[in-house]
Amino acid sequence: MDITIRASFLPYDDPGASLAFYRDVLGFEVRGDVGRGGMRRLTVGPVGQAGMSVVLHPVADDPELVLATPDLDSVFERLQARAEVIQEPIERPYGMRDCAFLDPAGTMIRVQELR
């Protein structure tokens, strides 16, 4: 199974402190900043690695892991017998095709098809 990590969602208590850590300490570039105050979603990632992102979100949001694969149907076929299916493969209006499962702890695992 050919799968890579596309995005990891990490909670924050203080968006400013989290942004400063990932941007200034780790040297990640800021790719997105949506929302206001403590309800912002910040997307950061390593410079030169556009295919991998970390999304920083308020603690109240549910955790999520986003994976990527060139063969979504094959991955879905393998996982549907072993994990709880939340969403079968569908085409999104913004050009992405994906599916979703839950891990044993109830965390959503979304798998996107690389194009």
PDB file of N, CA and C in Angstrom:
ATOM      1  N   MET A   1       0.854  -1.162   0.000  1.00  0.00           N
ATOM      2  CA  MET A   1       0.000   0.000   0.000  1.00  0.00           C
ATOM      3  C   MET A   1       0.901   1.227   0.000  1.00  0.00           C
ATOM      4  N   ASP A   2       0.715   2.107  -0.971  1.00  0.00           N
ATOM      5  CA  ASP A   2       1.518   3.313  -1.133  1.00  0.00           C
ATOM      6  C   ASP A   2       0.795   4.494  -0.488  1.00  0.00           C
ATOM      7  N   ILE A   3       1.187   4.845   0.756  1.00  0.00           N
ATOM      8  CA  ILE A   3       0.535   5.927   1.501  1.00  0.00           C
ATOM      9  C   ILE A   3       1.605   6.844   2.094  1.00  0.00           C
ATOM     10  N   THR A   4       1.344   8.142   2.040  1.00  0.00           N
ATOM     11  CA  THR A   4       2.212   9.131   2.680  1.00  0.00           C
ATOM     12  C   THR A   4       1.358  10.013   3.590  1.00  0.00           C
ATOM     13  N   ILE A   5       1.993  10.676   4.547  1.00  0.00           N
ATOM     14  CA  ILE A   5       1.279  11.630   5.394  1.00  0.00           C
ATOM     15  C   ILE A   5       1.184  12.941   4.633  1.00  0.00           C
ATOM     16  N   ARG A   6      -0.034  13.414   4.456  1.00  0.00           N
ATOM     17  CA  ARG A   6      -0.275  14.663   3.742  1.00  0.00           C
ATOM     18  C   ARG A   6      -0.443  15.818   4.719  1.00  0.00           C
ATOM     19  N   ALA A   7      -1.199  15.581   5.801  1.00  0.00           N
ATOM     20  CA  ALA A   7      -1.412  16.633   6.803  1.00  0.00           C
ATOM     21  C   ALA A   7      -1.699  15.998   8.151  1.00  0.00           C
ATOM     22  N   SER A   8      -1.211  16.637   9.174  1.00  0.00           N
ATOM     23  CA  SER A   8      -1.489  16.226  10.536  1.00  0.00           C
ATOM     24  C   SER A   8      -2.126  17.414  11.233  1.00  0.00           C
ATOM     25  N   PHE A   9      -3.188  17.166  11.997  1.00  0.00           N
ATOM     26  CA  PHE A   9      -3.918  18.223  12.684  1.00  0.00           C
ATOM     27  C   PHE A   9      -3.550  18.178  14.164  1.00  0.00           C
ATOM     28  N   LEU A  10      -2.986  19.269  14.658  1.00  0.00           N
ATOM     29  CA  LEU A  10      -2.548  19.340  16.043  1.00  0.00           C
ATOM     30  C   LEU A  10      -3.281  20.464  16.769  1.00  0.00           C
ATOM     31  N   PRO A  11      -3.754  20.207  17.988  1.00  0.00           N
ATOM     32  CA  PRO A  11      -4.471  21.241  18.732  1.00  0.00           C
ATOM     33  C   PRO A  11      -3.521  22.261  19.365  1.00  0.00           C
ATOM     34  N   TYR A  12      -4.051  23.450  19.595  1.00  0.00           N
ATOM     35  CA  TYR A  12      -3.300  24.471  20.320  1.00  0.00           C
ATOM     36  C   TYR A  12      -4.173  25.103  21.393  1.00  0.00           C
ATOM     37  N   ASP A  13      -3.502  25.654  22.412  1.00  0.00           N
ATOM     38  CA  ASP A  13      -4.175  26.471  23.422  1.00  0.00           C
ATOM     39  C   ASP A  13      -3.995  27.951  23.098  1.00  0.00           C
ATOM     40  N   ASP A  14      -2.870  28.273  22.458  1.00  0.00           N
ATOM     41  CA  ASP A  14      -2.520  29.659  22.144  1.00  0.00           C
ATOM     42  C   ASP A  14      -2.025  29.703  20.700  1.00  0.00           C
ATOM     43  N   PRO A  15      -2.841  30.229  19.763  1.00  0.00           N
ATOM     44  CA  PRO A  15      -2.425  30.213  18.358  1.00  0.00           C
ATOM     45  C   PRO A  15      -1.144  30.995  18.093  1.00  0.00           C
ATOM     46  N   GLY A  16      -0.951  32.107  18.805  1.00  0.00           N
ATOM     47  CA  GLY A  16       0.265  32.905  18.609  1.00  0.00           C
ATOM     48  C   GLY A  16       1.514  32.153  19.014  1.00  0.00           C
ATOM     49  N   ALA A  17       1.450  31.466  20.158  1.00  0.00           N
ATOM     50  CA  ALA A  17       2.604  30.697  20.635  1.00  0.00           C
ATOM     51  C   ALA A  17       2.883  29.516  19.709  1.00  0.00           C
ATOM     52  N   SER A  18       1.827  28.849  19.246  1.00  0.00           N
ATOM     53  CA  SER A  18       2.020  27.713  18.332  1.00  0.00           C
ATOM     54  C   SER A  18       2.617  28.174  17.013  1.00  0.00           C
ATOM     55  N   LEU A  19       2.082  29.276  16.476  1.00  0.00           N
ATOM     56  CA  LEU A  19       2.611  29.799  15.221  1.00  0.00           C
ATOM     57  C   LEU A  19       4.076  30.187  15.379  1.00  0.00           C
ATOM     58  N   ALA A  20       4.408  30.854  16.475  1.00  0.00           N
ATOM     59  CA  ALA A  20       5.803  31.246  16.708  1.00  0.00           C
ATOM     60  C   ALA A  20       6.717  30.019  16.783  1.00  0.00           C
ATOM     61  N   PHE A  21       6.263  28.952  17.439  1.00  0.00           N
ATOM     62  CA  PHE A  21       7.083  27.750  17.544  1.00  0.00           C
ATOM     63  C   PHE A  21       7.328  27.115  16.175  1.00  0.00           C
ATOM     64  N   TYR A  22       6.275  26.856  15.435  1.00  0.00           N
ATOM     65  CA  TYR A  22       6.435  26.161  14.148  1.00  0.00           C
ATOM     66  C   TYR A  22       7.119  27.030  13.100  1.00  0.00           C
ATOM     67  N   ARG A  23       6.846  28.334  13.108  1.00  0.00           N
ATOM     68  CA  ARG A  23       7.451  29.233  12.134  1.00  0.00           C
ATOM     69  C   ARG A  23       8.873  29.626  12.544  1.00  0.00           C
ATOM     70  N   ASP A  24       9.029  30.122  13.767  1.00  0.00           N
ATOM     71  CA  ASP A  24      10.302  30.708  14.180  1.00  0.00           C
ATOM     72  C   ASP A  24      11.296  29.689  14.731  1.00  0.00           C
ATOM     73  N   VAL A  25      10.831  28.671  15.427  1.00  0.00           N
ATOM     74  CA  VAL A  25      11.730  27.672  16.000  1.00  0.00           C
ATOM     75  C   VAL A  25      12.040  26.569  14.991  1.00  0.00           C
ATOM     76  N   LEU A  26      10.982  26.001  14.377  1.00  0.00           N
ATOM     77  CA  LEU A  26      11.207  24.913  13.417  1.00  0.00           C
ATOM     78  C   LEU A  26      11.499  25.405  11.998  1.00  0.00           C
ATOM     79  N   GLY A  27      11.193  26.661  11.715  1.00  0.00           N
ATOM     80  CA  GLY A  27      11.472  27.211  10.391  1.00  0.00           C
ATOM     81  C   GLY A  27      10.437  26.844   9.337  1.00  0.00           C
ATOM     82  N   PHE A  28       9.251  26.410   9.759  1.00  0.00           N
ATOM     83  CA  PHE A  28       8.195  26.073   8.797  1.00  0.00           C
ATOM     84  C   PHE A  28       7.647  27.347   8.164  1.00  0.00           C
ATOM     85  N   GLU A  29       7.180  27.209   6.927  1.00  0.00           N
ATOM     86  CA  GLU A  29       6.529  28.338   6.280  1.00  0.00           C
ATOM     87  C   GLU A  29       5.040  28.330   6.624  1.00  0.00           C
ATOM     88  N   VAL A  30       4.444  29.530   6.674  1.00  0.00           N
ATOM     89  CA  VAL A  30       3.014  29.655   6.934  1.00  0.00           C
ATOM     90  C   VAL A  30       2.300  29.564   5.598  1.00  0.00           C
ATOM     91  N   ARG A  31       1.372  28.612   5.475  1.00  0.00           N
ATOM     92  CA  ARG A  31       0.642  28.392   4.225  1.00  0.00           C
ATOM     93  C   ARG A  31      -0.806  28.838   4.298  1.00  0.00           C
ATOM     94  N   GLY A  32      -1.294  29.045   5.494  1.00  0.00           N
ATOM     95  CA  GLY A  32      -2.672  29.489   5.647  1.00  0.00           C
ATOM     96  C   GLY A  32      -2.934  29.962   7.055  1.00  0.00           C
ATOM     97  N   ASP A  33      -3.816  30.944   7.179  1.00  0.00           N
ATOM     98  CA  ASP A  33      -4.212  31.487   8.476  1.00  0.00           C
ATOM     99  C   ASP A  33      -5.659  31.914   8.321  1.00  0.00           C
ATOM    100  N   VAL A  34      -6.577  31.070   8.793  1.00  0.00           N
ATOM    101  CA  VAL A  34      -8.001  31.302   8.600  1.00  0.00           C
ATOM    102  C   VAL A  34      -8.684  31.417   9.952  1.00  0.00           C
ATOM    103  N   GLY A  35      -9.562  32.380  10.104  1.00  0.00           N
ATOM    104  CA  GLY A  35     -10.309  32.558  11.337  1.00  0.00           C
ATOM    105  C   GLY A  35      -9.838  33.774  12.099  1.00  0.00           C
ATOM    106  N   ARG A  36     -10.307  33.868  13.353  1.00  0.00           N
ATOM    107  CA  ARG A  36      -9.980  35.021  14.187  1.00  0.00           C
ATOM    108  C   ARG A  36      -9.685  34.585  15.606  1.00  0.00           C
ATOM    109  N   GLY A  37      -8.841  35.337  16.278  1.00  0.00           N
ATOM    110  CA  GLY A  37      -8.551  35.103  17.693  1.00  0.00           C
ATOM    111  C   GLY A  37      -8.133  33.674  17.975  1.00  0.00           C
ATOM    112  N   GLY A  38      -8.794  33.051  18.971  1.00  0.00           N
ATOM    113  CA  GLY A  38      -8.479  31.682  19.353  1.00  0.00           C
ATOM    114  C   GLY A  38      -9.171  30.634  18.498  1.00  0.00           C
ATOM    115  N   MET A  39      -9.872  31.049  17.454  1.00  0.00           N
ATOM    116  CA  MET A  39     -10.565  30.113  16.573  1.00  0.00           C
ATOM    117  C   MET A  39      -9.903  30.051  15.190  1.00  0.00           C
ATOM    118  N   ARG A  40      -8.626  30.288  15.139  1.00  0.00           N
ATOM    119  CA  ARG A  40      -7.893  30.260  13.873  1.00  0.00           C
ATOM    120  C   ARG A  40      -7.439  28.849  13.537  1.00  0.00           C
ATOM    121  N   ARG A  41      -7.364  28.561  12.245  1.00  0.00           N
ATOM    122  CA  ARG A  41      -6.716  27.349  11.733  1.00  0.00           C
ATOM    123  C   ARG A  41      -5.479  27.820  10.994  1.00  0.00           C
ATOM    124  N   LEU A  42      -4.349  27.362  11.467  1.00  0.00           N
ATOM    125  CA  LEU A  42      -3.064  27.767  10.905  1.00  0.00           C
ATOM    126  C   LEU A  42      -2.450  26.576  10.183  1.00  0.00           C
ATOM    127  N   THR A  43      -2.100  26.761   8.926  1.00  0.00           N
ATOM    128  CA  THR A  43      -1.454  25.687   8.177  1.00  0.00           C
ATOM    129  C   THR A  43       0.004  26.066   7.966  1.00  0.00           C
ATOM    130  N   VAL A  44       0.902  25.195   8.404  1.00  0.00           N
ATOM    131  CA  VAL A  44       2.334  25.412   8.275  1.00  0.00           C
ATOM    132  C   VAL A  44       2.952  24.142   7.699  1.00  0.00           C
ATOM    133  N   GLY A  45       4.183  24.273   7.219  1.00  0.00           N
ATOM    134  CA  GLY A  45       4.855  23.084   6.714  1.00  0.00           C
ATOM    135  C   GLY A  45       6.302  23.359   6.404  1.00  0.00           C
ATOM    136  N   PRO A  46       7.076  22.292   6.248  1.00  0.00           N
ATOM    137  CA  PRO A  46       8.485  22.449   5.942  1.00  0.00           C
ATOM    138  C   PRO A  46       8.683  23.103   4.576  1.00  0.00           C
ATOM    139  N   VAL A  47       9.608  24.040   4.515  1.00  0.00           N
ATOM    140  CA  VAL A  47       9.931  24.711   3.257  1.00  0.00           C
ATOM    141  C   VAL A  47      10.374  23.663   2.239  1.00  0.00           C
ATOM    142  N   GLY A  48       9.842  23.764   1.025  1.00  0.00           N
ATOM    143  CA  GLY A  48      10.232  22.850  -0.045  1.00  0.00           C
ATOM    144  C   GLY A  48       9.501  21.516  -0.025  1.00  0.00           C
ATOM    145  N   GLN A  49       8.571  21.319   0.916  1.00  0.00           N
ATOM    146  CA  GLN A  49       7.806  20.078   0.996  1.00  0.00           C
ATOM    147  C   GLN A  49       6.314  20.407   0.986  1.00  0.00           C
ATOM    148  N   ALA A  50       5.849  20.906  -0.147  1.00  0.00           N
ATOM    149  CA  ALA A  50       4.470  21.364  -0.272  1.00  0.00           C
ATOM    150  C   ALA A  50       3.444  20.259  -0.042  1.00  0.00           C
ATOM    151  N   GLY A  51       3.827  19.009  -0.202  1.00  0.00           N
ATOM    152  CA  GLY A  51       2.898  17.898  -0.033  1.00  0.00           C
ATOM    153  C   GLY A  51       2.665  17.493   1.409  1.00  0.00           C
ATOM    154  N   MET A  52       3.341  18.133   2.375  1.00  0.00           N
ATOM    155  CA  MET A  52       3.189  17.783   3.790  1.00  0.00           C
ATOM    156  C   MET A  52       2.896  19.041   4.586  1.00  0.00           C
ATOM    157  N   SER A  53       1.792  19.019   5.345  1.00  0.00           N
ATOM    158  CA  SER A  53       1.403  20.182   6.143  1.00  0.00           C
ATOM    159  C   SER A  53       1.023  19.765   7.562  1.00  0.00           C
ATOM    160  N   VAL A  54       1.120  20.730   8.456  1.00  0.00           N
ATOM    161  CA  VAL A  54       0.614  20.594   9.813  1.00  0.00           C
ATOM    162  C   VAL A  54      -0.459  21.670   9.953  1.00  0.00           C
ATOM    163  N   VAL A  55      -1.654  21.259  10.349  1.00  0.00           N
ATOM    164  CA  VAL A  55      -2.746  22.206  10.565  1.00  0.00           C
ATOM    165  C   VAL A  55      -2.930  22.350  12.069  1.00  0.00           C
ATOM    166  N   LEU A  56      -2.716  23.548  12.564  1.00  0.00           N
ATOM    167  CA  LEU A  56      -2.871  23.860  13.986  1.00  0.00           C
ATOM    168  C   LEU A  56      -4.287  24.382  14.184  1.00  0.00           C
ATOM    169  N   HIS A  57      -5.022  23.799  15.135  1.00  0.00           N
ATOM    170  CA  HIS A  57      -6.428  24.140  15.313  1.00  0.00           C
ATOM    171  C   HIS A  57      -6.759  24.269  16.795  1.00  0.00           C
ATOM    172  N   PRO A  58      -7.888  24.929  17.111  1.00  0.00           N
ATOM    173  CA  PRO A  58      -8.289  25.048  18.508  1.00  0.00           C
ATOM    174  C   PRO A  58      -8.509  23.681  19.150  1.00  0.00           C
ATOM    175  N   VAL A  59      -8.240  23.581  20.431  1.00  0.00           N
ATOM    176  CA  VAL A  59      -8.382  22.329  21.160  1.00  0.00           C
ATOM    177  C   VAL A  59      -9.776  21.741  20.984  1.00  0.00           C
ATOM    178  N   ALA A  60     -10.799  22.570  20.844  1.00  0.00           N
ATOM    179  CA  ALA A  60     -12.180  22.094  20.731  1.00  0.00           C
ATOM    180  C   ALA A  60     -12.445  21.305  19.448  1.00  0.00           C
ATOM    181  N   ASP A  61     -11.642  21.492  18.402  1.00  0.00           N
ATOM    182  CA  ASP A  61     -11.828  20.761  17.147  1.00  0.00           C
ATOM    183  C   ASP A  61     -11.420  19.301  17.315  1.00  0.00           C
ATOM    184  N   ASP A  62     -12.019  18.433  16.530  1.00  0.00           N
ATOM    185  CA  ASP A  62     -11.659  17.015  16.556  1.00  0.00           C
ATOM    186  C   ASP A  62     -10.332  16.784  15.846  1.00  0.00           C
ATOM    187  N   PRO A  63      -9.507  15.857  16.363  1.00  0.00           N
ATOM    188  CA  PRO A  63      -8.238  15.543  15.700  1.00  0.00           C
ATOM    189  C   PRO A  63      -8.499  14.809  14.386  1.00  0.00           C
ATOM    190  N   GLU A  64      -7.554  14.894  13.483  1.00  0.00           N
ATOM    191  CA  GLU A  64      -7.678  14.254  12.177  1.00  0.00           C
ATOM    192  C   GLU A  64      -6.289  14.040  11.600  1.00  0.00           C
ATOM    193  N   LEU A  65      -6.144  12.991  10.827  1.00  0.00           N
ATOM    194  CA  LEU A  65      -4.913  12.716  10.098  1.00  0.00           C
ATOM    195  C   LEU A  65      -5.292  12.578   8.642  1.00  0.00           C
ATOM    196  N   VAL A  66      -4.563  13.249   7.744  1.00  0.00           N
ATOM    197  CA  VAL A  66      -4.840  13.164   6.314  1.00  0.00           C
ATOM    198  C   VAL A  66      -3.663  12.467   5.645  1.00  0.00           C
ATOM    199  N   LEU A  67      -3.973  11.368   4.954  1.00  0.00           N
ATOM    200  CA  LEU A  67      -2.981  10.602   4.213  1.00  0.00           C
ATOM    201  C   LEU A  67      -3.217  10.799   2.721  1.00  0.00           C
ATOM    202  N   ALA A  68      -2.235  10.433   1.917  1.00  0.00           N
ATOM    203  CA  ALA A  68      -2.362  10.559   0.464  1.00  0.00           C
ATOM    204  C   ALA A  68      -1.855   9.295  -0.203  1.00  0.00           C
ATOM    205  N   THR A  69      -2.473   8.957  -1.332  1.00  0.00           N
ATOM    206  CA  THR A  69      -2.096   7.767  -2.091  1.00  0.00           C
ATOM    207  C   THR A  69      -2.395   7.982  -3.572  1.00  0.00           C
ATOM    208  N   PRO A  70      -1.613   7.369  -4.451  1.00  0.00           N
ATOM    209  CA  PRO A  70      -1.938   7.461  -5.874  1.00  0.00           C
ATOM    210  C   PRO A  70      -3.068   6.519  -6.282  1.00  0.00           C
ATOM    211  N   ASP A  71      -3.448   5.553  -5.414  1.00  0.00           N
ATOM    212  CA  ASP A  71      -4.466   4.560  -5.750  1.00  0.00           C
ATOM    213  C   ASP A  71      -5.503   4.448  -4.629  1.00  0.00           C
ATOM    214  N   LEU A  72      -6.431   5.392  -4.597  1.00  0.00           N
ATOM    215  CA  LEU A  72      -7.427   5.460  -3.532  1.00  0.00           C
ATOM    216  C   LEU A  72      -8.313   4.217  -3.494  1.00  0.00           C
ATOM    217  N   ASP A  73      -8.701   3.700  -4.637  1.00  0.00           N
ATOM    218  CA  ASP A  73      -9.588   2.533  -4.660  1.00  0.00           C
ATOM    219  C   ASP A  73      -8.936   1.317  -4.013  1.00  0.00           C
ATOM    220  N   SER A  74      -7.662   1.119  -4.265  1.00  0.00           N
ATOM    221  CA  SER A  74      -6.939   0.002  -3.674  1.00  0.00           C
ATOM    222  C   SER A  74      -6.838   0.154  -2.155  1.00  0.00           C
ATOM    223  N   VAL A  75      -6.527   1.343  -1.698  1.00  0.00           N
ATOM    224  CA  VAL A  75      -6.417   1.596  -0.260  1.00  0.00           C
ATOM    225  C   VAL A  75      -7.785   1.415   0.404  1.00  0.00           C
ATOM    226  N   PHE A  76      -8.839   1.954  -0.210  1.00  0.00           N
ATOM    227  CA  PHE A  76     -10.175   1.804   0.351  1.00  0.00           C
ATOM    228  C   PHE A  76     -10.562   0.333   0.447  1.00  0.00           C
ATOM    229  N   GLU A  77     -10.305  -0.421  -0.609  1.00  0.00           N
ATOM    230  CA  GLU A  77     -10.649  -1.850  -0.612  1.00  0.00           C
ATOM    231  C   GLU A  77      -9.965  -2.584   0.537  1.00  0.00           C
ATOM    232  N   ARG A  78      -8.719  -2.260   0.775  1.00  0.00           N
ATOM    233  CA  ARG A  78      -7.976  -2.927   1.853  1.00  0.00           C
ATOM    234  C   ARG A  78      -8.481  -2.513   3.236  1.00  0.00           C
ATOM    235  N   LEU A  79      -8.738  -1.235   3.420  1.00  0.00           N
ATOM    236  CA  LEU A  79      -9.096  -0.729   4.741  1.00  0.00           C
ATOM    237  C   LEU A  79     -10.552  -0.959   5.129  1.00  0.00           C
ATOM    238  N   GLN A  80     -11.454  -1.049   4.169  1.00  0.00           N
ATOM    239  CA  GLN A  80     -12.875  -1.144   4.524  1.00  0.00           C
ATOM    240  C   GLN A  80     -13.214  -2.397   5.331  1.00  0.00           C
ATOM    241  N   ALA A  81     -12.434  -3.443   5.181  1.00  0.00           N
ATOM    242  CA  ALA A  81     -12.672  -4.669   5.950  1.00  0.00           C
ATOM    243  C   ALA A  81     -12.032  -4.615   7.335  1.00  0.00           C
ATOM    244  N   ARG A  82     -11.180  -3.616   7.572  1.00  0.00           N
ATOM    245  CA  ARG A  82     -10.417  -3.568   8.818  1.00  0.00           C
ATOM    246  C   ARG A  82     -10.683  -2.342   9.678  1.00  0.00           C
ATOM    247  N   ALA A  83     -11.415  -1.372   9.155  1.00  0.00           N
ATOM    248  CA  ALA A  83     -11.658  -0.130   9.898  1.00  0.00           C
ATOM    249  C   ALA A  83     -13.078   0.345   9.625  1.00  0.00           C
ATOM    250  N   GLU A  84     -13.598   1.154  10.539  1.00  0.00           N
ATOM    251  CA  GLU A  84     -14.950   1.692  10.361  1.00  0.00           C
ATOM    252  C   GLU A  84     -14.947   2.765   9.276  1.00  0.00           C
ATOM    253  N   VAL A  85     -15.737   2.554   8.237  1.00  0.00           N
ATOM    254  CA  VAL A  85     -15.834   3.498   7.119  1.00  0.00           C
ATOM    255  C   VAL A  85     -16.739   4.655   7.526  1.00  0.00           C
ATOM    256  N   ILE A  86     -16.258   5.862   7.362  1.00  0.00           N
ATOM    257  CA  ILE A  86     -17.029   7.074   7.610  1.00  0.00           C
ATOM    258  C   ILE A  86     -17.540   7.631   6.292  1.00  0.00           C
ATOM    259  N   GLN A  87     -16.722   7.488   5.249  1.00  0.00           N
ATOM    260  CA  GLN A  87     -17.089   8.027   3.937  1.00  0.00           C
ATOM    261  C   GLN A  87     -16.423   7.187   2.858  1.00  0.00           C
ATOM    262  N   GLU A  88     -17.199   6.674   1.940  1.00  0.00           N
ATOM    263  CA  GLU A  88     -16.653   5.946   0.798  1.00  0.00           C
ATOM    264  C   GLU A  88     -16.002   6.947  -0.150  1.00  0.00           C
ATOM    265  N   PRO A  89     -15.158   6.488  -1.086  1.00  0.00           N
ATOM    266  CA  PRO A  89     -14.504   7.424  -2.006  1.00  0.00           C
ATOM    267  C   PRO A  89     -15.529   8.265  -2.780  1.00  0.00           C
ATOM    268  N   ILE A  90     -15.302   9.579  -2.750  1.00  0.00           N
ATOM    269  CA  ILE A  90     -16.151  10.510  -3.506  1.00  0.00           C
ATOM    270  C   ILE A  90     -15.284  11.588  -4.139  1.00  0.00           C
ATOM    271  N   GLU A  91     -15.814  12.185  -5.176  1.00  0.00           N
ATOM    272  CA  GLU A  91     -15.169  13.312  -5.846  1.00  0.00           C
ATOM    273  C   GLU A  91     -15.661  14.590  -5.190  1.00  0.00           C
ATOM    274  N   ARG A  92     -14.755  15.403  -4.711  1.00  0.00           N
ATOM    275  CA  ARG A  92     -15.101  16.677  -4.078  1.00  0.00           C
ATOM    276  C   ARG A  92     -15.268  17.754  -5.146  1.00  0.00           C
ATOM    277  N   PRO A  93     -16.091  18.777  -4.893  1.00  0.00           N
ATOM    278  CA  PRO A  93     -16.292  19.844  -5.886  1.00  0.00           C
ATOM    279  C   PRO A  93     -15.023  20.656  -6.160  1.00  0.00           C
ATOM    280  N   TYR A  94     -14.051  20.599  -5.251  1.00  0.00           N
ATOM    281  CA  TYR A  94     -12.813  21.360  -5.442  1.00  0.00           C
ATOM    282  C   TYR A  94     -11.715  20.516  -6.077  1.00  0.00           C
ATOM    283  N   GLY A  95     -12.090  19.360  -6.659  1.00  0.00           N
ATOM    284  CA  GLY A  95     -11.141  18.579  -7.442  1.00  0.00           C
ATOM    285  C   GLY A  95     -10.393  17.500  -6.693  1.00  0.00           C
ATOM    286  N   MET A  96     -10.763  17.221  -5.455  1.00  0.00           N
ATOM    287  CA  MET A  96     -10.083  16.203  -4.661  1.00  0.00           C
ATOM    288  C   MET A  96     -11.001  14.995  -4.541  1.00  0.00           C
ATOM    289  N   ARG A  97     -10.429  13.804  -4.615  1.00  0.00           N
ATOM    290  CA  ARG A  97     -11.170  12.571  -4.380  1.00  0.00           C
ATOM    291  C   ARG A  97     -10.629  11.971  -3.100  1.00  0.00           C
ATOM    292  N   ASP A  98     -11.539  11.598  -2.164  1.00  0.00           N
ATOM    293  CA  ASP A  98     -11.069  11.068  -0.894  1.00  0.00           C
ATOM    294  C   ASP A  98     -12.091  10.145  -0.248  1.00  0.00           C
ATOM    295  N   CYS A  99     -11.666   9.523   0.856  1.00  0.00           N
ATOM    296  CA  CYS A  99     -12.529   8.677   1.680  1.00  0.00           C
ATOM    297  C   CYS A  99     -12.093   8.883   3.125  1.00  0.00           C
ATOM    298  N   ALA A 100     -12.862   8.309   4.084  1.00  0.00           N
ATOM    299  CA  ALA A 100     -12.503   8.507   5.490  1.00  0.00           C
ATOM    300  C   ALA A 100     -12.865   7.281   6.322  1.00  0.00           C
ATOM    301  N   PHE A 101     -12.040   7.039   7.351  1.00  0.00           N
ATOM    302  CA  PHE A 101     -12.194   5.931   8.290  1.00  0.00           C
ATOM    303  C   PHE A 101     -11.989   6.457   9.696  1.00  0.00           C
ATOM    304  N   LEU A 102     -12.336   5.635  10.684  1.00  0.00           N
ATOM    305  CA  LEU A 102     -11.995   5.932  12.080  1.00  0.00           C
ATOM    306  C   LEU A 102     -10.936   4.950  12.538  1.00  0.00           C
ATOM    307  N   ASP A 103      -9.964   5.445  13.320  1.00  0.00           N
ATOM    308  CA  ASP A 103      -9.014   4.524  13.940  1.00  0.00           C
ATOM    309  C   ASP A 103      -9.657   3.979  15.217  1.00  0.00           C
ATOM    310  N   PRO A 104      -9.009   3.042  15.929  1.00  0.00           N
ATOM    311  CA  PRO A 104      -9.631   2.451  17.121  1.00  0.00           C
ATOM    312  C   PRO A 104     -10.006   3.455  18.214  1.00  0.00           C
ATOM    313  N   ALA A 105      -9.334   4.611  18.262  1.00  0.00           N
ATOM    314  CA  ALA A 105      -9.637   5.626  19.276  1.00  0.00           C
ATOM    315  C   ALA A 105     -10.712   6.607  18.817  1.00  0.00           C
ATOM    316  N   GLY A 106     -11.204   6.446  17.582  1.00  0.00           N
ATOM    317  CA  GLY A 106     -12.229   7.340  17.057  1.00  0.00           C
ATOM    318  C   GLY A 106     -11.700   8.543  16.315  1.00  0.00           C
ATOM    319  N   THR A 107     -10.411   8.572  16.033  1.00  0.00           N
ATOM    320  CA  THR A 107      -9.818   9.665  15.276  1.00  0.00           C
ATOM    321  C   THR A 107     -10.087   9.462  13.786  1.00  0.00           C
ATOM    322  N   MET A 108     -10.507  10.528  13.102  1.00  0.00           N
ATOM    323  CA  MET A 108     -10.769  10.420  11.682  1.00  0.00           C
ATOM    324  C   MET A 108      -9.462  10.357  10.893  1.00  0.00           C
ATOM    325  N   ILE A 109      -9.392   9.383  10.004  1.00  0.00           N
ATOM    326  CA  ILE A 109      -8.277   9.243   9.070  1.00  0.00           C
ATOM    327  C   ILE A 109      -8.858   9.473   7.685  1.00  0.00           C
ATOM    328  N   ARG A 110      -8.466  10.550   7.038  1.00  0.00           N
ATOM    329  CA  ARG A 110      -8.929  10.868   5.689  1.00  0.00           C
ATOM    330  C   ARG A 110      -7.816  10.479   4.715  1.00  0.00           C
ATOM    331  N   VAL A 111      -8.181   9.822   3.621  1.00  0.00           N
ATOM    332  CA  VAL A 111      -7.211   9.422   2.608  1.00  0.00           C
ATOM    333  C   VAL A 111      -7.569  10.135   1.317  1.00  0.00           C
ATOM    334  N   GLN A 112      -6.624  10.908   0.785  1.00  0.00           N
ATOM    335  CA  GLN A 112      -6.835  11.660  -0.447  1.00  0.00           C
ATOM    336  C   GLN A 112      -6.066  11.009  -1.583  1.00  0.00           C
ATOM    337  N   GLU A 113      -6.623  11.097  -2.775  1.00  0.00           N
ATOM    338  CA  GLU A 113      -5.947  10.550  -3.952  1.00  0.00           C
ATOM    339  C   GLU A 113      -5.028  11.612  -4.548  1.00  0.00           C
ATOM    340  N   LEU A 114      -3.769  11.249  -4.729  1.00  0.00           N
ATOM    341  CA  LEU A 114      -2.800  12.158  -5.351  1.00  0.00           C
ATOM    342  C   LEU A 114      -3.080  12.233  -6.846  1.00  0.00           C
ATOM    343  N   ARG A 115      -3.047  13.409  -7.386  1.00  0.00           N
ATOM    344  CA  ARG A 115      -3.264  13.593  -8.828  1.00  0.00           C
ATOM    345  C   ARG A 115      -2.171  14.425  -9.410  1.00  0.00           C
TER     346      ARG A 115
END
